[in-house]
C-alpha atoms as a PDB file:
ATOM      1  CA  MET A   1      85.346  94.031  94.499  1.00  0.00           C
ATOM      2  CA  ASP A   2      85.707  94.184  90.740  1.00  0.00           C
ATOM      3  CA  TRP A   3      88.609  93.447  88.433  1.00  0.00           C
ATOM      4  CA  GLN A   4      89.678  97.121  88.120  1.00  0.00           C
ATOM      5  CA  VAL A   5      90.471  97.332  91.811  1.00  0.00           C
ATOM      6  CA  TYR A   6      92.824  94.355  91.470  1.00  0.00           C
ATOM      7  CA  LEU A   7      94.426  95.684  88.401  1.00  0.00           C
ATOM      8  CA  ALA A   8      94.997  99.085  90.244  1.00  0.00           C
ATOM      9  CA  LYS A   9      96.591  97.047  93.111  1.00  0.00           C
ATOM     10  CA  ALA A  10      98.867  95.279  90.662  1.00  0.00           C
ATOM     11  CA  LYS A  11     100.014  98.632  89.186  1.00  0.00           C
ATOM     12  CA  SER A  12     100.494 100.112  92.636  1.00  0.00           C
ATOM     13  CA  ASN A  13     102.492  97.135  93.772  1.00  0.00           C
ATOM     14  CA  LEU A  14     104.631  97.307  90.674  1.00  0.00           C
ATOM     15  CA  HIS A  15     105.256 100.978  91.235  1.00  0.00           C
ATOM     16  CA  THR A  16     106.243 100.306  94.793  1.00  0.00           C
ATOM     17  CA  ALA A  17     108.585  97.521  93.659  1.00  0.00           C
ATOM     18  CA  GLN A  18     110.289  99.933  91.206  1.00  0.00           C
ATOM     19  CA  SER A  19     110.693 102.549  93.984  1.00  0.00           C
ATOM     20  CA  ALA A  20     112.112  99.927  96.373  1.00  0.00           C
ATOM     21  CA  TYR A  21     114.598  98.835  93.708  1.00  0.00           C
ATOM     22  CA  ALA A  22     115.716 102.364  93.095  1.00  0.00           C
ATOM     23  CA  GLN A  23     116.289 102.731  96.759  1.00  0.00           C
ATOM     24  CA  GLY A  24     118.322  99.566  97.089  1.00  0.00           C
ATOM     25  CA  ASP A  25     115.612  97.715  99.169  1.00  0.00           C
ATOM     26  CA  PHE A  26     115.772  94.522  97.200  1.00  0.00           C
ATOM     27  CA  ASP A  27     113.699  92.434  99.593  1.00  0.00           C
ATOM     28  CA  SER A  28     110.748  94.747  99.352  1.00  0.00           C
ATOM     29  CA  CYS A  29     111.171  95.080  95.652  1.00  0.00           C
ATOM     30  CA  THR A  30     110.920  91.327  95.377  1.00  0.00           C
ATOM     31  CA  SER A  31     107.961  91.065  97.696  1.00  0.00           C
ATOM     32  CA  ARG A  32     105.904  93.784  95.895  1.00  0.00           C
ATOM     33  CA  ALA A  33     106.866  92.373  92.526  1.00  0.00           C
ATOM     34  CA  TYR A  34     105.275  89.153  93.430  1.00  0.00           C
ATOM     35  CA  PHE A  35     101.983  90.832  94.711  1.00  0.00           C
ATOM     36  CA  ALA A  36     101.902  92.823  91.484  1.00  0.00           C
ATOM     37  CA  VAL A  37     101.843  89.478  89.589  1.00  0.00           C
ATOM     38  CA  PHE A  38      99.275  87.923  92.052  1.00  0.00           C
ATOM     39  CA  HIS A  39      96.828  90.863  91.846  1.00  0.00           C
ATOM     40  CA  ALA A  40      97.125  91.107  88.070  1.00  0.00           C
ATOM     41  CA  GLU A  41      96.212  87.371  87.755  1.00  0.00           C
ATOM     42  CA  ILE A  42      93.232  87.809  89.918  1.00  0.00           C
ATOM     43  CA  ALA A  43      92.112  90.848  87.859  1.00  0.00           C
ATOM     44  CA  ALA A  44      92.385  88.779  84.658  1.00  0.00           C
ATOM     45  CA  LEU A  45      90.404  85.809  86.219  1.00  0.00           C
ATOM     46  CA  MET A  46      87.736  88.109  87.464  1.00  0.00           C
ATOM     47  CA  LYS A  47      87.164  89.954  84.186  1.00  0.00           C
ATOM     48  CA  LEU A  48      87.716  87.015  81.735  1.00  0.00           C
ATOM     49  CA  THR A  49      86.408  83.960  83.564  1.00  0.00           C
ATOM     50  CA  ALA A  50      83.822  82.709  86.013  1.00  0.00           C
ATOM     51  CA  PHE A  51      86.528  81.942  88.525  1.00  0.00           C
ATOM     52  CA  ARG A  52      85.601  83.379  91.997  1.00  0.00           C
ATOM     53  CA  GLN A  53      86.739  82.464  95.446  1.00  0.00           C
ATOM     54  CA  ASP A  54      86.261  84.218  98.711  1.00  0.00           C
ATOM     55  CA  ARG A  55      89.660  83.372  99.994  1.00  0.00           C
ATOM     56  CA  ARG A  56      92.244  83.674  97.223  1.00  0.00           C
ATOM     57  CA  ARG A  57      94.723  80.952  97.733  1.00  0.00           C
ATOM     58  CA  HIS A  58      97.940  81.877  95.934  1.00  0.00           C
ATOM     59  CA  ASP A  59      98.458  78.450  94.330  1.00  0.00           C
ATOM     60  CA  ARG A  60      94.939  78.198  93.126  1.00  0.00           C
ATOM     61  CA  VAL A  61      95.045  81.769  91.508  1.00  0.00           C
ATOM     62  CA  GLN A  62      98.113  80.626  89.532  1.00  0.00           C
ATOM     63  CA  GLU A  63      96.611  77.270  88.567  1.00  0.00           C
ATOM     64  CA  GLU A  64      93.462  78.808  87.187  1.00  0.00           C
ATOM     65  CA  PHE A  65      95.272  81.647  85.443  1.00  0.00           C
ATOM     66  CA  ASN A  66      97.492  79.160  83.647  1.00  0.00           C
ATOM     67  CA  ARG A  67      94.782  76.568  82.941  1.00  0.00           C
ATOM     68  CA  GLN A  68      92.042  78.971  81.821  1.00  0.00           C
ATOM     69  CA  LEU A  69      93.788  81.934  80.240  1.00  0.00           C
ATOM     70  CA  VAL A  70      97.184  80.636  79.082  1.00  0.00           C
ATOM     71  CA  ARG A  71      96.652  76.965  78.092  1.00  0.00           C
ATOM     72  CA  SER A  72      92.843  76.630  77.247  1.00  0.00           C
ATOM     73  CA  ARG A  73      91.932  80.045  75.854  1.00  0.00           C
ATOM     74  CA  LYS A  74      95.504  81.170  74.917  1.00  0.00           C
ATOM     75  CA  MET A  75      94.787  84.766  75.843  1.00  0.00           C
ATOM     76  CA  PHE A  76      98.325  85.207  77.282  1.00  0.00           C
ATOM     77  CA  PRO A  77     101.685  83.795  76.130  1.00  0.00           C
ATOM     78  CA  ALA A  78     102.969  80.581  77.687  1.00  0.00           C
ATOM     79  CA  SER A  79     106.081  82.499  78.831  1.00  0.00           C
ATOM     80  CA  LEU A  80     103.968  83.943  81.700  1.00  0.00           C
ATOM     81  CA  GLN A  81     103.182  80.553  83.157  1.00  0.00           C
ATOM     82  CA  SER A  82     106.237  80.310  85.392  1.00  0.00           C
ATOM     83  CA  ILE A  83     106.417  83.843  86.579  1.00  0.00           C
ATOM     84  CA  HIS A  84     104.157  83.328  89.604  1.00  0.00           C
ATOM     85  CA  ASN A  85     105.933  80.374  90.877  1.00  0.00           C
ATOM     86  CA  ASP A  86     109.357  81.892  90.449  1.00  0.00           C
ATOM     87  CA  LEU A  87     108.387  85.089  92.185  1.00  0.00           C
ATOM     88  CA  ILE A  88     106.646  83.410  95.161  1.00  0.00           C
ATOM     89  CA  GLY A  89     109.808  81.496  95.873  1.00  0.00           C
ATOM     90  CA  ARG A  90     111.822  84.618  95.780  1.00  0.00           C
ATOM     91  CA  ARG A  91     109.203  86.499  97.896  1.00  0.00           C
ATOM     92  CA  HIS A  92     109.386  83.726 100.566  1.00  0.00           C
ATOM     93  CA  ILE A  93     113.236  84.282 100.814  1.00  0.00           C
ATOM     94  CA  ALA A  94     112.725  87.978 100.988  1.00  0.00           C
ATOM     95  CA  ASP A  95     109.950  87.864 103.656  1.00  0.00           C
ATOM     96  CA  TYR A  96     110.608  84.873 105.702  1.00  0.00           C
ATOM     97  CA  THR A  97     114.308  84.111 105.911  1.00  0.00           C
ATOM     98  CA  ALA A  98     117.397  85.684 107.178  1.00  0.00           C
ATOM     99  CA  GLN A  99     118.850  85.952 103.685  1.00  0.00           C
ATOM    100  CA  HIS A 100     118.574  89.029 101.528  1.00  0.00           C
ATOM    101  CA  VAL A 101     117.716  89.113  97.943  1.00  0.00           C
ATOM    102  CA  SER A 102     120.565  90.267  95.624  1.00  0.00           C
ATOM    103  CA  VAL A 103     120.377  93.151  93.241  1.00  0.00           C
ATOM    104  CA  ARG A 104     120.490  90.713  90.257  1.00  0.00           C
ATOM    105  CA  ILE A 105     117.544  88.634  91.561  1.00  0.00           C
ATOM    106  CA  ALA A 106     115.478  91.746  92.456  1.00  0.00           C
ATOM    107  CA  GLU A 107     116.117  93.143  88.928  1.00  0.00           C
ATOM    108  CA  ARG A 108     114.936  89.831  87.454  1.00  0.00           C
ATOM    109  CA  CYS A 109     111.826  89.781  89.620  1.00  0.00           C
ATOM    110  CA  LEU A 110     111.015  93.370  88.682  1.00  0.00           C
ATOM    111  CA  ARG A 111     111.478  92.666  84.992  1.00  0.00           C
ATOM    112  CA  LYS A 112     109.218  89.570  85.165  1.00  0.00           C
ATOM    113  CA  ALA A 113     106.500  91.348  87.152  1.00  0.00           C
ATOM    114  CA  THR A 114     106.629  94.213  84.621  1.00  0.00           C
ATOM    115  CA  GLU A 115     106.127  91.790  81.794  1.00  0.00           C
ATOM    116  CA  MET A 116     103.226  90.097  83.523  1.00  0.00           C
ATOM    117  CA  VAL A 117     101.372  93.263  84.566  1.00  0.00           C
ATOM    118  CA  THR A 118     102.002  94.928  81.204  1.00  0.00           C
ATOM    119  CA  ASN A 119     100.568  91.880  79.363  1.00  0.00           C
ATOM    120  CA  ILE A 120      97.574  91.586  81.635  1.00  0.00           C
ATOM    121  CA  ALA A 121      96.756  95.233  81.587  1.00  0.00           C
ATOM    122  CA  GLY A 122      97.021  95.305  77.872  1.00  0.00           C
ATOM    123  CA  VAL A 123      94.407  92.667  77.492  1.00  0.00           C
ATOM    124  CA  LEU A 124      92.068  93.845  80.172  1.00  0.00           C
ATOM    125  CA  GLU A 125      92.160  97.610  79.218  1.00  0.00           C
ATOM    126  CA  ALA A 126      91.818  96.978  75.487  1.00  0.00           C
ATOM    127  CA  PRO A 127      88.739  98.599  73.934  1.00  0.00           C
END
């Protein structure tokens, strides 16, 4: 699979998160916002680095994105470094606990995912 497939997945997940938010489904919004970020990071790593791994461990994707593309090569702003970690914690609450994500938290997750996907897409799709 190439990087365009993962970027398309990121955009699709972001769209689904937006729709879920509009429908008041804040757990699904949060979960899809996280996967939008995760897939966008994979797309960036695939296009811009030699990083490849058959099984994409979530923590490893974040580590490599931050190490190679934020800190070393400075292709993305440092403000993106914590988004993955913040959203995975929120996703775990949404997907694996009896709690529900609040409207405020879902809105924040959606805003952060939009920032991340927009930044990454801007770099990857630049001529």
